[in-house]
Amino acid sequence: MAVAPLRRKAVPNEARRRVPRQQRAARTLDALLEAAAQAFAERGFEGATMTQIAQQAGVSIGAAYQYFPNKDALALALRQQYGDEMDARWSALIEAQASGGELPPAQLAERLLDMMVELMDAYPAYLPLLSVSLGFRRDEAARNKLRQRFATLFRRYNVALTADEAYRVAEVMLQVVKSLNLLYASAKPKERTLLVTEYKGVLAAWLAVRLA
């Protein structure tokens, strides 16, 4: 007795196209962000144009505007991306500390600042976008979560710290690290190295006292 071949369930044309269209959209989005980052790094925010960014990304200007209404939106998306990346790096450091034993405060300070510099070096558009007024603000819940994780870590160093004190130490520490950005952006290469060294000394001395 012959067995009838299995028939695939009919799939509407729209459903068949959905995944490729999403993939194309994701590739276009990535291309625009990459092109914008390159343009901002090379020409600065004011010097970059949407037309140049679209050409670099290999898309029409009309398509570019479908994703981002202006270059402010592109810059804001990049700032969000960089903030998320920094949070991910710091979170990985916290996890490594919790599972493998804490670094001495001086080494912790050094690692935190090295990570900040590594991010700025990895993303050349990071510094040019710092001075652009975009109304950028990290998600409050994400900010609090990161500070709380550092606070929990700090209480492992110093069990005498209350939860509020540890959170305050975390908040101040992150603000100190981030305050390097604007000074670093305006400094010459040699001066940048000296600035980082100064920051490491200040942060290491303060953490040694607070976490002793």
C-alpha atoms as a PDB file:
ATOM      1  CA  MET A   1       0.000   0.000   0.000  1.00  0.00           C
ATOM      2  CA  ALA A   2       1.490   3.266  -1.088  1.00  0.00           C
ATOM      3  CA  VAL A   3       2.045   5.889   1.568  1.00  0.00           C
ATOM      4  CA  ALA A   4       1.026   9.357   0.616  1.00  0.00           C
ATOM      5  CA  PRO A   5       3.850  11.894   0.959  1.00  0.00           C
ATOM      6  CA  LEU A   6       3.628  14.228   3.920  1.00  0.00           C
ATOM      7  CA  ARG A   7       2.429  17.646   3.002  1.00  0.00           C
ATOM      8  CA  ARG A   8       3.877  20.694   4.667  1.00  0.00           C
ATOM      9  CA  LYS A   9       1.358  22.944   6.238  1.00  0.00           C
ATOM     10  CA  ALA A  10       0.767  25.939   4.047  1.00  0.00           C
ATOM     11  CA  VAL A  11       2.466  29.067   5.421  1.00  0.00           C
ATOM     12  CA  PRO A  12       1.121  32.485   4.473  1.00  0.00           C
ATOM     13  CA  ASN A  13       3.458  34.543   2.322  1.00  0.00           C
ATOM     14  CA  GLU A  14       3.662  37.237   5.013  1.00  0.00           C
ATOM     15  CA  ALA A  15       4.846  34.714   7.624  1.00  0.00           C
ATOM     16  CA  ARG A  16       7.433  33.269   5.223  1.00  0.00           C
ATOM     17  CA  ARG A  17       8.877  36.732   4.648  1.00  0.00           C
ATOM     18  CA  ARG A  18       8.818  37.809   8.297  1.00  0.00           C
ATOM     19  CA  VAL A  19      12.108  36.309   9.466  1.00  0.00           C
ATOM     20  CA  PRO A  20      14.209  37.478   6.498  1.00  0.00           C
ATOM     21  CA  ARG A  21      12.675  40.947   6.796  1.00  0.00           C
ATOM     22  CA  GLN A  22      13.551  41.065  10.500  1.00  0.00           C
ATOM     23  CA  GLN A  23      17.073  39.930   9.721  1.00  0.00           C
ATOM     24  CA  ARG A  24      17.446  42.609   7.070  1.00  0.00           C
ATOM     25  CA  ALA A  25      16.123  45.195   9.486  1.00  0.00           C
ATOM     26  CA  ALA A  26      18.591  44.114  12.143  1.00  0.00           C
ATOM     27  CA  ARG A  27      21.476  44.282   9.667  1.00  0.00           C
ATOM     28  CA  THR A  28      20.394  47.727   8.501  1.00  0.00           C
ATOM     29  CA  LEU A  29      20.111  48.948  12.075  1.00  0.00           C
ATOM     30  CA  ASP A  30      23.581  47.639  12.919  1.00  0.00           C
ATOM     31  CA  ALA A  31      25.033  49.173   9.750  1.00  0.00           C
ATOM     32  CA  LEU A  32      23.563  52.580  10.559  1.00  0.00           C
ATOM     33  CA  LEU A  33      24.852  52.519  14.135  1.00  0.00           C
ATOM     34  CA  GLU A  34      28.297  51.427  12.988  1.00  0.00           C
ATOM     35  CA  ALA A  35      28.399  54.116  10.306  1.00  0.00           C
ATOM     36  CA  ALA A  36      27.196  56.753  12.778  1.00  0.00           C
ATOM     37  CA  ALA A  37      29.850  55.745  15.299  1.00  0.00           C
ATOM     38  CA  GLN A  38      32.528  56.063  12.629  1.00  0.00           C
ATOM     39  CA  ALA A  39      31.198  59.429  11.458  1.00  0.00           C
ATOM     40  CA  PHE A  40      30.984  60.864  14.979  1.00  0.00           C
ATOM     41  CA  ALA A  41      34.478  59.597  15.805  1.00  0.00           C
ATOM     42  CA  GLU A  42      36.015  61.062  12.643  1.00  0.00           C
ATOM     43  CA  ARG A  43      34.038  64.286  12.162  1.00  0.00           C
ATOM     44  CA  GLY A  44      32.423  64.944  15.516  1.00  0.00           C
ATOM     45  CA  PHE A  45      28.715  65.191  16.131  1.00  0.00           C
ATOM     46  CA  GLU A  46      28.291  68.560  14.438  1.00  0.00           C
ATOM     47  CA  GLY A  47      30.340  67.590  11.404  1.00  0.00           C
ATOM     48  CA  ALA A  48      28.537  64.330  10.709  1.00  0.00           C
ATOM     49  CA  THR A  49      25.415  64.305   8.519  1.00  0.00           C
ATOM     50  CA  MET A  50      22.620  61.815   8.035  1.00  0.00           C
ATOM     51  CA  THR A  51      23.427  61.673   4.307  1.00  0.00           C
ATOM     52  CA  GLN A  52      27.026  60.680   4.985  1.00  0.00           C
ATOM     53  CA  ILE A  53      25.947  58.123   7.577  1.00  0.00           C
ATOM     54  CA  ALA A  54      23.402  56.576   5.204  1.00  0.00           C
ATOM     55  CA  GLN A  55      25.976  56.361   2.399  1.00  0.00           C
ATOM     56  CA  GLN A  56      28.521  54.759   4.715  1.00  0.00           C
ATOM     57  CA  ALA A  57      25.897  52.251   5.872  1.00  0.00           C
ATOM     58  CA  GLY A  58      24.968  51.425   2.281  1.00  0.00           C
ATOM     59  CA  VAL A  59      21.312  52.441   2.604  1.00  0.00           C
ATOM     60  CA  SER A  60      19.212  55.183   1.095  1.00  0.00           C
ATOM     61  CA  ILE A  61      18.625  58.340   3.103  1.00  0.00           C
ATOM     62  CA  GLY A  62      14.903  57.519   3.112  1.00  0.00           C
ATOM     63  CA  ALA A  63      15.591  54.126   4.645  1.00  0.00           C
ATOM     64  CA  ALA A  64      17.883  55.712   7.229  1.00  0.00           C
ATOM     65  CA  TYR A  65      15.117  58.095   8.306  1.00  0.00           C
ATOM     66  CA  GLN A  66      12.765  55.156   8.764  1.00  0.00           C
ATOM     67  CA  TYR A  67      15.032  53.898  11.531  1.00  0.00           C
ATOM     68  CA  PHE A  68      16.270  57.197  12.975  1.00  0.00           C
ATOM     69  CA  PRO A  69      14.502  60.542  12.432  1.00  0.00           C
ATOM     70  CA  ASN A  70      17.739  62.497  12.907  1.00  0.00           C
ATOM     71  CA  LYS A  71      21.344  62.114  14.007  1.00  0.00           C
ATOM     72  CA  ASP A  72      20.357  62.973  17.580  1.00  0.00           C
ATOM     73  CA  ALA A  73      18.423  59.703  17.670  1.00  0.00           C
ATOM     74  CA  LEU A  74      21.470  57.856  16.346  1.00  0.00           C
ATOM     75  CA  ALA A  75      23.690  59.457  18.964  1.00  0.00           C
ATOM     76  CA  LEU A  76      21.214  58.629  21.699  1.00  0.00           C
ATOM     77  CA  ALA A  77      21.084  54.983  20.580  1.00  0.00           C
ATOM     78  CA  LEU A  78      24.878  54.800  20.662  1.00  0.00           C
ATOM     79  CA  ARG A  79      25.027  56.371  24.125  1.00  0.00           C
ATOM     80  CA  GLN A  80      22.526  53.772  25.317  1.00  0.00           C
ATOM     81  CA  GLN A  81      24.585  51.022  23.712  1.00  0.00           C
ATOM     82  CA  TYR A  82      27.790  52.211  25.373  1.00  0.00           C
ATOM     83  CA  GLY A  83      26.070  52.521  28.736  1.00  0.00           C
ATOM     84  CA  ASP A  84      24.737  48.980  28.476  1.00  0.00           C
ATOM     85  CA  GLU A  85      28.182  47.708  27.521  1.00  0.00           C
ATOM     86  CA  MET A  86      29.802  49.409  30.505  1.00  0.00           C
ATOM     87  CA  ASP A  87      27.173  47.985  32.846  1.00  0.00           C
ATOM     88  CA  ALA A  88      27.787  44.512  31.412  1.00  0.00           C
ATOM     89  CA  ARG A  89      31.534  44.817  31.951  1.00  0.00           C
ATOM     90  CA  TRP A  90      31.151  46.033  35.509  1.00  0.00           C
ATOM     91  CA  SER A  91      28.602  43.308  36.246  1.00  0.00           C
ATOM     92  CA  ALA A  92      31.052  40.691  34.978  1.00  0.00           C
ATOM     93  CA  LEU A  93      33.697  42.102  37.310  1.00  0.00           C
ATOM     94  CA  ILE A  94      31.305  41.878  40.259  1.00  0.00           C
ATOM     95  CA  GLU A  95      30.474  38.252  39.433  1.00  0.00           C
ATOM     96  CA  ALA A  96      34.159  37.381  39.167  1.00  0.00           C
ATOM     97  CA  GLN A  97      34.791  39.020  42.536  1.00  0.00           C
ATOM     98  CA  ALA A  98      31.938  37.188  44.210  1.00  0.00           C
ATOM     99  CA  SER A  99      32.998  33.791  42.892  1.00  0.00           C
ATOM    100  CA  GLY A 100      36.769  34.039  43.042  1.00  0.00           C
ATOM    101  CA  GLY A 101      37.604  36.161  46.063  1.00  0.00           C
ATOM    102  CA  GLU A 102      37.814  39.930  46.302  1.00  0.00           C
ATOM    103  CA  LEU A 103      40.653  41.961  44.869  1.00  0.00           C
ATOM    104  CA  PRO A 104      42.377  44.290  47.320  1.00  0.00           C
ATOM    105  CA  PRO A 105      40.776  47.773  47.152  1.00  0.00           C
ATOM    106  CA  ALA A 106      43.749  49.243  45.275  1.00  0.00           C
ATOM    107  CA  GLN A 107      43.514  46.566  42.578  1.00  0.00           C
ATOM    108  CA  LEU A 108      39.758  46.955  42.403  1.00  0.00           C
ATOM    109  CA  ALA A 109      40.144  50.703  41.821  1.00  0.00           C
ATOM    110  CA  GLU A 110      42.753  50.060  39.142  1.00  0.00           C
ATOM    111  CA  ARG A 111      40.558  47.523  37.366  1.00  0.00           C
ATOM    112  CA  LEU A 112      37.499  49.766  37.414  1.00  0.00           C
ATOM    113  CA  LEU A 113      39.364  52.649  35.813  1.00  0.00           C
ATOM    114  CA  ASP A 114      41.135  50.390  33.326  1.00  0.00           C
ATOM    115  CA  MET A 115      37.721  49.107  32.226  1.00  0.00           C
ATOM    116  CA  MET A 116      36.505  52.666  31.709  1.00  0.00           C
ATOM    117  CA  VAL A 117      39.540  53.471  29.559  1.00  0.00           C
ATOM    118  CA  GLU A 118      39.173  50.209  27.635  1.00  0.00           C
ATOM    119  CA  LEU A 119      35.591  51.146  26.778  1.00  0.00           C
ATOM    120  CA  MET A 120      36.620  54.600  25.555  1.00  0.00           C
ATOM    121  CA  ASP A 121      39.369  53.076  23.420  1.00  0.00           C
ATOM    122  CA  ALA A 122      37.076  50.359  22.034  1.00  0.00           C
ATOM    123  CA  TYR A 123      34.389  52.863  20.996  1.00  0.00           C
ATOM    124  CA  PRO A 124      36.010  55.992  19.484  1.00  0.00           C
ATOM    125  CA  ALA A 125      32.626  57.747  19.254  1.00  0.00           C
ATOM    126  CA  TYR A 126      32.144  57.531  23.030  1.00  0.00           C
ATOM    127  CA  LEU A 127      34.164  60.654  23.859  1.00  0.00           C
ATOM    128  CA  PRO A 128      32.840  62.904  21.041  1.00  0.00           C
ATOM    129  CA  LEU A 129      29.279  62.142  22.169  1.00  0.00           C
ATOM    130  CA  LEU A 130      29.889  62.996  25.836  1.00  0.00           C
ATOM    131  CA  SER A 131      29.556  66.730  25.244  1.00  0.00           C
ATOM    132  CA  VAL A 132      26.402  66.423  23.112  1.00  0.00           C
ATOM    133  CA  SER A 133      23.247  67.427  24.950  1.00  0.00           C
ATOM    134  CA  LEU A 134      20.810  64.605  24.224  1.00  0.00           C
ATOM    135  CA  GLY A 135      18.835  64.418  27.439  1.00  0.00           C
ATOM    136  CA  PHE A 136      20.423  61.020  27.925  1.00  0.00           C
ATOM    137  CA  ARG A 137      19.794  59.256  31.217  1.00  0.00           C
ATOM    138  CA  ARG A 138      20.304  55.636  32.106  1.00  0.00           C
ATOM    139  CA  ASP A 139      17.258  53.625  33.072  1.00  0.00           C
ATOM    140  CA  GLU A 140      16.698  54.203  36.794  1.00  0.00           C
ATOM    141  CA  ALA A 141      16.049  50.544  37.549  1.00  0.00           C
ATOM    142  CA  ALA A 142      19.232  49.477  35.749  1.00  0.00           C
ATOM    143  CA  ARG A 143      21.260  52.145  37.544  1.00  0.00           C
ATOM    144  CA  ASN A 144      19.953  51.090  40.936  1.00  0.00           C
ATOM    145  CA  LYS A 145      20.538  47.409  40.196  1.00  0.00           C
ATOM    146  CA  LEU A 146      24.191  47.999  39.331  1.00  0.00           C
ATOM    147  CA  ARG A 147      24.750  50.114  42.440  1.00  0.00           C
ATOM    148  CA  GLN A 148      23.034  47.522  44.589  1.00  0.00           C
ATOM    149  CA  ARG A 149      25.274  44.803  43.219  1.00  0.00           C
ATOM    150  CA  PHE A 150      28.370  46.831  44.032  1.00  0.00           C
ATOM    151  CA  ALA A 151      26.928  47.574  47.483  1.00  0.00           C
ATOM    152  CA  THR A 152      26.476  43.852  48.132  1.00  0.00           C
ATOM    153  CA  LEU A 153      30.072  43.263  47.072  1.00  0.00           C
ATOM    154  CA  PHE A 154      31.332  46.038  49.356  1.00  0.00           C
ATOM    155  CA  ARG A 155      29.600  44.515  52.361  1.00  0.00           C
ATOM    156  CA  ARG A 156      31.671  41.396  51.749  1.00  0.00           C
ATOM    157  CA  TYR A 157      34.754  43.560  52.195  1.00  0.00           C
ATOM    158  CA  ASN A 158      33.463  45.360  55.266  1.00  0.00           C
ATOM    159  CA  VAL A 159      30.653  43.649  57.176  1.00  0.00           C
ATOM    160  CA  ALA A 160      30.280  46.720  59.383  1.00  0.00           C
ATOM    161  CA  LEU A 161      28.844  48.698  56.461  1.00  0.00           C
ATOM    162  CA  THR A 162      25.091  49.092  56.553  1.00  0.00           C
ATOM    163  CA  ALA A 163      23.144  48.525  53.350  1.00  0.00           C
ATOM    164  CA  ASP A 164      22.655  52.290  52.944  1.00  0.00           C
ATOM    165  CA  GLU A 165      26.332  53.026  53.547  1.00  0.00           C
ATOM    166  CA  ALA A 166      27.443  50.395  51.060  1.00  0.00           C
ATOM    167  CA  TYR A 167      25.037  51.749  48.449  1.00  0.00           C
ATOM    168  CA  ARG A 168      26.384  55.264  49.028  1.00  0.00           C
ATOM    169  CA  VAL A 169      29.953  54.044  48.584  1.00  0.00           C
ATOM    170  CA  ALA A 170      28.940  52.371  45.332  1.00  0.00           C
ATOM    171  CA  GLU A 171      27.202  55.509  44.106  1.00  0.00           C
ATOM    172  CA  VAL A 172      30.145  57.771  44.893  1.00  0.00           C
ATOM    173  CA  MET A 173      32.634  55.313  43.412  1.00  0.00           C
ATOM    174  CA  LEU A 174      30.795  55.127  40.091  1.00  0.00           C
ATOM    175  CA  GLN A 175      30.505  58.904  39.919  1.00  0.00           C
ATOM    176  CA  VAL A 176      34.242  59.243  40.534  1.00  0.00           C
ATOM    177  CA  VAL A 177      35.032  56.760  37.774  1.00  0.00           C
ATOM    178  CA  LYS A 178      32.675  58.463  35.312  1.00  0.00           C
ATOM    179  CA  SER A 179      34.043  61.913  36.154  1.00  0.00           C
ATOM    180  CA  LEU A 180      37.260  60.855  34.406  1.00  0.00           C
ATOM    181  CA  ASN A 181      35.459  60.944  31.047  1.00  0.00           C
ATOM    182  CA  LEU A 182      35.322  64.668  30.350  1.00  0.00           C
ATOM    183  CA  LEU A 183      38.876  65.300  31.575  1.00  0.00           C
ATOM    184  CA  TYR A 184      40.111  62.368  29.508  1.00  0.00           C
ATOM    185  CA  ALA A 185      38.288  63.635  26.414  1.00  0.00           C
ATOM    186  CA  SER A 186      39.985  67.036  26.464  1.00  0.00           C
ATOM    187  CA  ALA A 187      43.482  65.819  27.428  1.00  0.00           C
ATOM    188  CA  LYS A 188      46.392  64.971  25.150  1.00  0.00           C
ATOM    189  CA  PRO A 189      47.529  61.311  25.015  1.00  0.00           C
ATOM    190  CA  LYS A 190      50.395  61.705  27.510  1.00  0.00           C
ATOM    191  CA  GLU A 191      48.211  63.703  29.881  1.00  0.00           C
ATOM    192  CA  ARG A 192      45.515  61.038  29.678  1.00  0.00           C
ATOM    193  CA  THR A 193      47.900  58.446  31.089  1.00  0.00           C
ATOM    194  CA  LEU A 194      48.809  60.750  33.969  1.00  0.00           C
ATOM    195  CA  LEU A 195      45.156  61.529  34.665  1.00  0.00           C
ATOM    196  CA  VAL A 196      44.275  57.848  34.922  1.00  0.00           C
ATOM    197  CA  THR A 197      47.185  57.298  37.304  1.00  0.00           C
ATOM    198  CA  GLU A 198      45.965  60.141  39.529  1.00  0.00           C
ATOM    199  CA  TYR A 199      42.427  58.785  39.532  1.00  0.00           C
ATOM    200  CA  LYS A 200      43.643  55.324  40.458  1.00  0.00           C
ATOM    201  CA  GLY A 201      45.534  56.728  43.413  1.00  0.00           C
ATOM    202  CA  VAL A 202      42.572  58.752  44.669  1.00  0.00           C
ATOM    203  CA  LEU A 203      40.049  55.945  44.273  1.00  0.00           C
ATOM    204  CA  ALA A 204      42.364  53.305  45.757  1.00  0.00           C
ATOM    205  CA  ALA A 205      43.048  55.410  48.869  1.00  0.00           C
ATOM    206  CA  TRP A 206      39.369  56.161  49.427  1.00  0.00           C
ATOM    207  CA  LEU A 207      38.207  52.578  48.915  1.00  0.00           C
ATOM    208  CA  ALA A 208      40.924  51.317  51.239  1.00  0.00           C
ATOM    209  CA  VAL A 209      39.440  53.466  53.998  1.00  0.00           C
ATOM    210  CA  ARG A 210      35.785  52.732  53.275  1.00  0.00           C
ATOM    211  CA  LEU A 211      36.210  48.996  52.771  1.00  0.00           C
ATOM    212  CA  ALA A 212      38.761  48.338  55.509  1.00  0.00           C
END
